[in-house]
Amino acid sequence: MTLRFRPAVRWTLALSTLALCAATAFAQPAGSPPDGPSPQAPLNTAQRKAIVDTLAQQLRIRYVYPNKIEPVAKQLQARSAKGAYENATTVEAMGEALNKDLREIGNDRHFRVEFDPEVQTLPVGAEPPKPTREEIDQGREQAAMMGFGITRIQRLPGNIGYLDLRGFGPTEFIAGGYDAAMLLLGGTDALVIDLRNNGGGSPSSVTYLLSHFFAEGDERHLNDIYDRPTNTTREYWTLPISSPRYTKPIAVLTSKHTFSGGEECAYDLQTQKRAKLYGETTGGAANPGEMVALGHGLAAFVPTGRAINGVTKKDWEMVGVVPDVSLPASDALSAAYVALLEQSASETKNPEQRDQVKDVLARAQAGKIDLPIYTPRRPPAP
């Protein structure tokens, strides 16, 4: 799931995030204040046209690929002019119709239209207002309630660590959780990072987590994000963190539900040759973006930027991240676990410890060790 901090009043900004496209965990269900917009409010022809025109305008201003978006904007407006949305007589119905058309015509998995009256669009390049103390406290509380995006930490037989990470919340709220997790897992001989249900999140948090997996002084250029509205590029390098470093073998689990920031995490570790990936090709959503208001409580997520991997100079948009070992997501943990045990057995110098690992390996190969069960999360809307 995607982790998103959502204060009482949320302003949209040019997010350096890969995650506002999937089901959210830090977010509360979108609703409307008693005296504000309602999803059941009626819409007339002029209002529907205004919503489509606003969407087309925002796409032209903000979408990361300007040459690709012009035909999309024109087609949406043409459909509106021909009466394609006349049956969308309520705000909710209009949002559903536009969501379907935008995703199909735009061919970008990050696109979506939803009812969210809290969204207010800032001008391009404008600084968002600073969050209030109440909003900051709320963000910290939500992060803690969601376990900082960490669903499970476990030491598996054979001294293999297991970290089930479902999303990347705002760094200022989750960094301590990552530090604590790595402290608990620091004594293991190898680590499995389970991203099969990871819907994405903040790229800064991806960077913070990955900074734990390189030795002190080993700086790595992980990723860049180009933002079209401001025509700027931000680089993401590993950080000089003071928390524990983990330099032992790592395996990463992926699925078709691994999305956005989860894909970046997997791709960065793969391209830096720091981990081996097991599972399915990921969802293929690389473009970060922002929410923009369309009127009557509707808002659209518009991809405004693109990821540029520090090694390949490419992204995973529409193609996904291809694992090193392709197999059904449900089998990925078992395969990765056995592989890490085999490596541990071959590298362990202590004879007694080697015999113990070999015993665990034999039981794992026979399927006699209970491993965490994989239950796919609900995927993003098609």
Protein backbone atom coordinates (compact mmCIF):
# COMPACT_ATOMS: atom_id res chain seq x y z
CA MET A 1 0.00 0.00 0.00
CA THR A 2 1.10 3.56 -0.46
CA LEU A 3 1.91 5.63 2.56
CA ARG A 4 0.81 9.25 2.45
CA PHE A 5 0.71 11.98 5.07
CA ARG A 6 -2.56 13.77 4.77
CA PRO A 7 -3.07 16.76 7.09
CA ALA A 8 -6.43 18.34 7.82
CA VAL A 9 -5.97 20.67 4.84
CA ARG A 10 -3.74 19.25 2.13
CA TRP A 11 -2.24 21.53 -0.46
CA THR A 12 -0.94 19.89 -3.61
CA LEU A 13 2.64 20.53 -4.58
CA ALA A 14 5.18 19.21 -7.03
CA LEU A 15 5.87 16.07 -5.04
CA SER A 16 9.17 14.28 -5.27
CA THR A 17 7.27 11.09 -4.63
CA LEU A 18 6.53 7.89 -6.53
CA ALA A 19 3.50 6.88 -4.62
CA LEU A 20 0.30 8.85 -4.80
CA CYS A 21 -1.13 6.43 -7.34
CA ALA A 22 -2.17 3.44 -5.28
CA ALA A 23 -4.28 2.63 -2.22
CA THR A 24 -3.06 4.66 0.74
CA ALA A 25 -2.23 3.71 4.29
CA PHE A 26 -1.34 7.03 5.92
CA ALA A 27 -4.38 8.66 4.29
CA GLN A 28 -7.81 8.74 5.84
CA PRO A 29 -10.73 8.08 3.46
CA ALA A 30 -11.46 11.17 1.41
CA GLY A 31 -14.66 12.86 2.44
CA SER A 32 -16.32 16.22 2.33
CA PRO A 33 -17.01 18.71 5.08
CA PRO A 34 -20.69 19.20 5.98
CA ASP A 35 -20.88 22.53 4.15
CA GLY A 36 -18.50 21.65 1.32
CA PRO A 37 -18.69 19.75 -1.98
CA SER A 38 -20.60 16.50 -2.09
CA PRO A 39 -19.94 13.51 -4.36
CA GLN A 40 -23.69 13.29 -4.94
CA ALA A 41 -24.08 16.94 -5.95
CA PRO A 42 -25.66 17.36 -9.41
CA LEU A 43 -23.69 18.72 -12.35
CA ASN A 44 -25.03 20.52 -15.42
CA THR A 45 -23.49 20.61 -18.90
CA ALA A 46 -21.55 23.81 -18.30
CA GLN A 47 -20.08 22.48 -15.06
CA ARG A 48 -19.00 19.22 -16.66
CA LYS A 49 -17.34 21.14 -19.50
CA ALA A 50 -15.51 23.35 -17.00
CA ILE A 51 -14.16 20.29 -15.18
CA VAL A 52 -12.86 18.75 -18.42
CA ASP A 53 -11.35 22.05 -19.56
CA THR A 54 -9.58 22.47 -16.21
CA LEU A 55 -8.19 18.94 -16.44
CA ALA A 56 -6.98 19.55 -20.00
CA GLN A 57 -5.32 22.81 -18.94
CA GLN A 58 -3.52 21.20 -15.99
CA LEU A 59 -2.35 18.33 -18.17
CA ARG A 60 -0.86 20.77 -20.67
CA ILE A 61 0.89 22.76 -17.96
CA ARG A 62 2.19 19.94 -15.80
CA TYR A 63 2.36 16.54 -17.51
CA VAL A 64 5.92 15.28 -17.82
CA TYR A 65 5.74 14.57 -21.56
CA PRO A 66 4.22 17.69 -23.21
CA ASN A 67 4.24 16.24 -26.73
CA LYS A 68 2.37 13.15 -25.62
CA ILE A 69 -0.27 14.92 -23.58
CA GLU A 70 -1.62 17.36 -26.18
CA PRO A 71 -3.54 14.66 -28.12
CA VAL A 72 -4.91 13.35 -24.80
CA ALA A 73 -6.15 16.78 -23.72
CA LYS A 74 -7.73 17.39 -27.13
CA GLN A 75 -9.46 14.02 -27.10
CA LEU A 76 -10.95 14.57 -23.65
CA GLN A 77 -12.28 17.98 -24.69
CA ALA A 78 -13.61 16.54 -27.95
CA ARG A 79 -15.46 13.83 -26.05
CA SER A 80 -16.91 16.48 -23.77
CA ALA A 81 -18.07 18.58 -26.73
CA LYS A 82 -19.80 15.53 -28.26
CA GLY A 83 -21.76 14.86 -25.07
CA ALA A 84 -19.79 11.86 -23.84
CA TYR A 85 -20.30 12.91 -20.22
CA GLU A 86 -23.98 13.90 -20.36
CA ASN A 87 -24.94 10.84 -18.33
CA ALA A 88 -22.47 11.78 -15.58
CA THR A 89 -25.06 13.81 -13.72
CA THR A 90 -23.30 13.85 -10.32
CA VAL A 91 -19.81 14.75 -9.16
CA GLU A 92 -19.08 11.12 -8.33
CA ALA A 93 -20.25 9.87 -11.72
CA MET A 94 -18.21 12.53 -13.51
CA GLY A 95 -15.11 11.55 -11.56
CA GLU A 96 -15.57 7.89 -12.43
CA ALA A 97 -16.07 8.66 -16.11
CA LEU A 98 -13.03 10.93 -16.30
CA ASN A 99 -10.89 8.47 -14.34
CA LYS A 100 -11.69 5.74 -16.84
CA ASP A 101 -11.13 7.90 -19.92
CA LEU A 102 -7.95 9.56 -18.65
CA ARG A 103 -6.29 6.26 -17.78
CA GLU A 104 -7.32 4.63 -21.07
CA ILE A 105 -6.51 7.56 -23.34
CA GLY A 106 -3.46 8.75 -21.42
CA ASN A 107 -1.89 5.31 -21.07
CA ASP A 108 -0.19 6.19 -17.78
CA ARG A 109 -0.84 4.05 -14.70
CA HIS A 110 -0.38 7.00 -12.38
CA PHE A 111 -3.34 8.90 -13.81
CA ARG A 112 -6.45 9.00 -11.67
CA VAL A 113 -9.42 11.23 -10.90
CA GLU A 114 -11.11 11.06 -7.52
CA PHE A 115 -13.32 13.03 -5.15
CA ASP A 116 -11.04 14.90 -2.77
CA PRO A 117 -12.25 18.38 -1.82
CA GLU A 118 -9.16 18.97 0.34
CA VAL A 119 -6.92 19.38 -2.71
CA GLN A 120 -5.97 22.94 -3.58
CA THR A 121 -3.70 23.62 -6.55
CA LEU A 122 -0.63 25.75 -6.05
CA PRO A 123 0.82 27.72 -8.97
CA VAL A 124 3.81 26.09 -10.64
CA GLY A 125 6.94 26.72 -8.61
CA ALA A 126 5.09 28.13 -5.60
CA GLU A 127 6.19 27.04 -2.14
CA PRO A 128 3.52 25.16 -0.19
CA PRO A 129 2.52 26.53 3.21
CA LYS A 130 4.40 25.02 6.12
CA PRO A 131 2.46 22.36 8.04
CA THR A 132 1.12 23.35 11.41
CA ARG A 133 2.29 21.76 14.63
CA GLU A 134 -1.01 19.90 14.76
CA GLU A 135 -0.47 18.52 11.26
CA ILE A 136 3.07 17.45 12.10
CA ASP A 137 1.91 15.70 15.26
CA GLN A 138 -0.84 14.02 13.27
CA GLY A 139 1.70 12.80 10.70
CA ARG A 140 3.93 11.33 13.39
CA GLU A 141 0.99 9.63 15.03
CA GLN A 142 -0.21 8.13 11.76
CA ALA A 143 3.29 6.92 10.90
CA ALA A 144 3.63 5.22 14.28
CA MET A 145 0.17 3.66 14.01
CA MET A 146 1.16 2.14 10.66
CA GLY A 147 4.43 0.78 12.05
CA PHE A 148 6.38 3.19 9.81
CA GLY A 149 5.28 1.11 6.83
CA ILE A 150 6.86 -2.01 8.32
CA THR A 151 4.42 -4.89 8.62
CA ARG A 152 6.78 -7.57 9.88
CA ILE A 153 10.34 -8.00 11.14
CA GLN A 154 11.45 -11.56 11.80
CA ARG A 155 14.56 -13.65 12.30
CA LEU A 156 14.00 -16.79 10.24
CA PRO A 157 15.70 -20.12 11.04
CA GLY A 158 19.29 -20.12 9.88
CA ASN A 159 19.70 -16.50 11.03
CA ILE A 160 18.13 -14.97 7.94
CA GLY A 161 16.43 -11.62 8.51
CA TYR A 162 13.02 -10.79 7.05
CA LEU A 163 11.63 -7.27 6.54
CA ASP A 164 8.13 -6.82 5.13
CA LEU A 165 7.92 -3.20 3.99
CA ARG A 166 4.59 -1.97 2.59
CA GLY A 167 5.37 1.66 1.75
CA PHE A 168 7.65 4.67 2.18
CA GLY A 169 6.12 7.39 4.31
CA PRO A 170 7.56 10.91 4.74
CA THR A 171 11.17 10.63 5.87
CA GLU A 172 10.80 12.91 8.86
CA PHE A 173 8.20 10.54 10.28
CA ILE A 174 9.61 7.10 9.42
CA ALA A 175 13.41 7.40 9.58
CA GLY A 176 13.55 6.30 13.20
CA GLY A 177 11.51 3.22 12.37
CA TYR A 178 14.00 2.20 9.67
CA ASP A 179 16.91 2.73 12.06
CA ALA A 180 15.25 0.55 14.68
CA ALA A 181 14.49 -2.16 12.13
CA MET A 182 18.09 -2.29 10.97
CA LEU A 183 19.32 -2.41 14.55
CA LEU A 184 17.12 -5.48 15.17
CA LEU A 185 18.22 -7.13 11.93
CA GLY A 186 21.88 -6.19 12.16
CA GLY A 187 22.98 -9.53 13.63
CA THR A 188 21.49 -11.69 10.87
CA ASP A 189 23.69 -13.34 8.25
CA ALA A 190 21.53 -12.29 5.30
CA LEU A 191 18.35 -10.30 4.72
CA VAL A 192 15.14 -10.67 2.74
CA ILE A 193 13.31 -7.41 1.93
CA ASP A 194 9.73 -8.16 0.97
CA LEU A 195 8.35 -5.51 -1.41
CA ARG A 196 5.62 -7.69 -2.91
CA ASN A 197 2.91 -5.53 -1.33
CA ASN A 198 4.79 -2.23 -1.46
CA GLY A 199 2.75 0.49 -3.17
CA GLY A 200 5.39 3.20 -3.07
CA GLY A 201 5.99 6.47 -1.27
CA SER A 202 8.62 9.15 -0.82
CA PRO A 203 11.85 8.76 -2.83
CA SER A 204 13.68 10.50 0.00
CA SER A 205 12.60 7.65 2.26
CA VAL A 206 13.74 5.10 -0.31
CA THR A 207 17.12 6.82 -0.26
CA TYR A 208 17.22 6.84 3.53
CA LEU A 209 16.48 3.12 3.77
CA LEU A 210 19.00 2.19 1.09
CA SER A 211 21.71 4.25 2.79
CA HIS A 212 21.79 1.49 5.43
CA PHE A 213 22.93 -1.07 2.85
CA PHE A 214 26.28 0.42 1.88
CA ALA A 215 29.40 0.74 3.99
CA GLU A 216 30.27 4.08 5.52
CA GLY A 217 32.01 6.19 2.89
CA ASP A 218 30.61 4.13 0.00
CA GLU A 219 28.46 6.82 -1.59
CA ARG A 220 26.11 5.75 -4.38
CA HIS A 221 24.12 7.78 -6.90
CA LEU A 222 20.78 6.01 -6.72
CA ASN A 223 18.27 7.99 -8.73
CA ASP A 224 17.28 11.38 -10.15
CA ILE A 225 13.82 12.89 -10.58
CA TYR A 226 13.17 15.40 -13.35
CA ASP A 227 10.24 17.77 -12.75
CA ARG A 228 8.75 19.21 -15.92
CA PRO A 229 6.76 22.19 -14.48
CA THR A 230 9.91 23.67 -12.92
CA ASN A 231 12.35 22.14 -15.43
CA THR A 232 14.59 20.98 -12.59
CA THR A 233 16.27 17.69 -11.70
CA ARG A 234 16.92 16.48 -8.16
CA GLU A 235 19.64 13.92 -7.49
CA TYR A 236 19.32 11.22 -4.84
CA TRP A 237 22.54 9.87 -3.31
CA THR A 238 23.03 7.63 -0.31
CA LEU A 239 23.26 9.62 2.92
CA PRO A 240 25.97 9.77 5.61
CA ILE A 241 23.64 8.28 8.21
CA SER A 242 24.85 7.46 11.72
CA SER A 243 22.47 4.51 12.14
CA PRO A 244 23.48 0.86 11.60
CA ARG A 245 24.91 -0.25 8.23
CA TYR A 246 24.03 -3.65 6.79
CA THR A 247 26.56 -4.98 4.25
CA LYS A 248 25.62 -8.66 4.23
CA PRO A 249 23.76 -10.46 1.38
CA ILE A 250 20.28 -9.18 0.49
CA ALA A 251 17.41 -10.68 -1.50
CA VAL A 252 14.42 -8.58 -2.59
CA LEU A 253 10.95 -9.98 -3.29
CA THR A 254 8.76 -8.39 -5.97
CA SER A 255 5.32 -8.90 -7.46
CA LYS A 256 3.09 -7.31 -10.07
CA HIS A 257 1.67 -5.29 -7.16
CA THR A 258 5.06 -3.76 -6.32
CA PHE A 259 4.49 -0.21 -7.40
CA SER A 260 6.18 3.16 -7.83
CA GLY A 261 8.57 3.81 -4.91
CA GLY A 262 8.62 0.08 -4.16
CA GLU A 263 9.85 -0.43 -7.71
CA GLU A 264 12.52 2.22 -7.26
CA CYS A 265 13.78 0.49 -4.13
CA ALA A 266 14.05 -2.84 -5.95
CA TYR A 267 15.60 -1.30 -9.08
CA ASP A 268 18.16 0.74 -7.15
CA LEU A 269 19.34 -2.31 -5.21
CA GLN A 270 19.46 -4.36 -8.40
CA THR A 271 21.35 -1.82 -10.52
CA GLN A 272 23.79 -1.10 -7.70
CA LYS A 273 24.42 -4.88 -7.61
CA ARG A 274 23.55 -4.86 -3.94
CA ALA A 275 20.71 -7.39 -4.02
CA LYS A 276 19.20 -10.16 -6.10
CA LEU A 277 15.52 -9.86 -7.01
CA TYR A 278 13.07 -12.78 -6.83
CA GLY A 279 9.46 -12.83 -7.98
CA GLU A 280 7.41 -11.12 -10.65
CA THR A 281 7.98 -8.12 -12.90
CA THR A 282 6.73 -5.06 -11.04
CA GLY A 283 3.80 -2.78 -11.90
CA GLY A 284 5.61 -0.30 -14.14
CA ALA A 285 4.80 3.08 -12.58
CA ALA A 286 7.81 5.38 -12.46
CA ASN A 287 6.45 8.88 -12.99
CA PRO A 288 5.99 11.02 -9.85
CA GLY A 289 3.44 13.79 -9.79
CA GLU A 290 0.93 15.90 -7.93
CA MET A 291 -2.77 16.27 -7.27
CA VAL A 292 -4.59 19.20 -8.91
CA ALA A 293 -8.09 20.46 -8.17
CA LEU A 294 -10.66 20.27 -10.98
CA GLY A 295 -13.60 21.89 -9.22
CA HIS A 296 -16.66 20.59 -7.33
CA GLY A 297 -14.39 18.51 -5.09
CA LEU A 298 -12.80 16.50 -7.90
CA ALA A 299 -9.03 16.21 -8.18
CA ALA A 300 -6.66 14.51 -10.61
CA PHE A 301 -3.23 13.03 -10.12
CA VAL A 302 -0.97 14.33 -12.90
CA PRO A 303 2.49 12.79 -13.42
CA THR A 304 4.85 15.76 -13.56
CA GLY A 305 8.24 14.09 -13.54
CA ARG A 306 10.24 11.03 -14.42
CA ALA A 307 12.78 8.90 -12.63
CA ILE A 308 16.30 8.54 -14.00
CA ASN A 309 18.26 5.68 -12.47
CA GLY A 310 21.78 6.63 -11.40
CA VAL A 311 23.33 3.62 -13.18
CA THR A 312 21.20 2.85 -16.24
CA LYS A 313 19.86 6.40 -16.79
CA LYS A 314 16.51 4.71 -17.49
CA ASP A 315 13.27 4.19 -15.60
CA TRP A 316 10.71 1.38 -15.29
CA GLU A 317 7.64 3.22 -16.59
CA MET A 318 5.22 0.79 -18.32
CA VAL A 319 7.82 -2.02 -18.38
CA GLY A 320 8.35 -2.68 -14.68
CA VAL A 321 11.44 -3.98 -12.92
CA VAL A 322 12.39 -7.47 -14.12
CA PRO A 323 13.62 -9.75 -11.31
CA ASP A 324 16.85 -11.73 -11.54
CA VAL A 325 14.90 -14.90 -10.75
CA SER A 326 11.41 -14.87 -12.27
CA LEU A 327 8.80 -17.00 -10.53
CA PRO A 328 5.32 -16.56 -9.03
CA ALA A 329 5.27 -14.04 -6.20
CA SER A 330 3.91 -16.70 -3.85
CA ASP A 331 7.10 -18.75 -4.36
CA ALA A 332 9.57 -15.88 -4.12
CA LEU A 333 10.27 -16.01 -0.39
CA SER A 334 10.97 -19.74 -0.38
CA ALA A 335 13.36 -19.44 -3.35
CA ALA A 336 15.20 -16.44 -1.89
CA TYR A 337 15.41 -18.05 1.55
CA VAL A 338 16.93 -21.25 0.19
CA ALA A 339 19.42 -19.29 -1.93
CA LEU A 340 20.56 -17.21 1.05
CA LEU A 341 20.91 -20.32 3.21
CA GLU A 342 23.03 -21.98 0.52
CA GLN A 343 25.26 -18.92 0.37
CA SER A 344 25.53 -18.78 4.14
CA ALA A 345 26.43 -22.47 4.35
CA SER A 346 29.16 -22.06 1.74
CA GLU A 347 30.66 -18.96 3.36
CA THR A 348 30.43 -19.88 7.05
CA LYS A 349 33.84 -20.81 8.44
CA ASN A 350 32.65 -22.14 11.78
CA PRO A 351 32.05 -25.92 11.30
CA GLU A 352 29.35 -26.13 13.96
CA GLN A 353 27.50 -23.14 12.58
CA ARG A 354 27.84 -24.50 9.03
CA ASP A 355 26.28 -27.80 10.07
CA GLN A 356 23.39 -25.94 11.70
CA VAL A 357 22.77 -23.89 8.55
CA LYS A 358 22.92 -27.02 6.38
CA ASP A 359 20.32 -28.67 8.62
CA VAL A 360 18.03 -25.66 8.24
CA LEU A 361 18.69 -25.66 4.50
CA ALA A 362 17.66 -29.30 4.17
CA ARG A 363 14.43 -28.63 6.03
CA ALA A 364 13.75 -25.52 3.93
CA GLN A 365 14.31 -27.44 0.69
CA ALA A 366 11.86 -30.06 1.95
CA GLY A 367 9.28 -27.37 2.72
CA LYS A 368 9.36 -28.13 6.45
CA ILE A 369 9.93 -24.58 7.66
CA ASP A 370 6.98 -22.24 8.06
CA LEU A 371 7.63 -18.94 6.31
CA PRO A 372 5.51 -15.76 6.36
CA ILE A 373 2.50 -16.20 4.09
CA TYR A 374 2.11 -13.89 1.10
CA THR A 375 -1.35 -12.40 0.61
CA PRO A 376 -1.53 -10.02 -2.34
CA ARG A 377 -2.87 -6.59 -1.55
CA ARG A 378 -5.66 -5.12 -3.62
CA PRO A 379 -3.95 -3.82 -6.79
CA PRO A 380 -4.29 -0.27 -8.10
CA ALA A 381 -7.34 0.33 -10.31
CA PRO A 382 -6.73 -0.72 -13.93
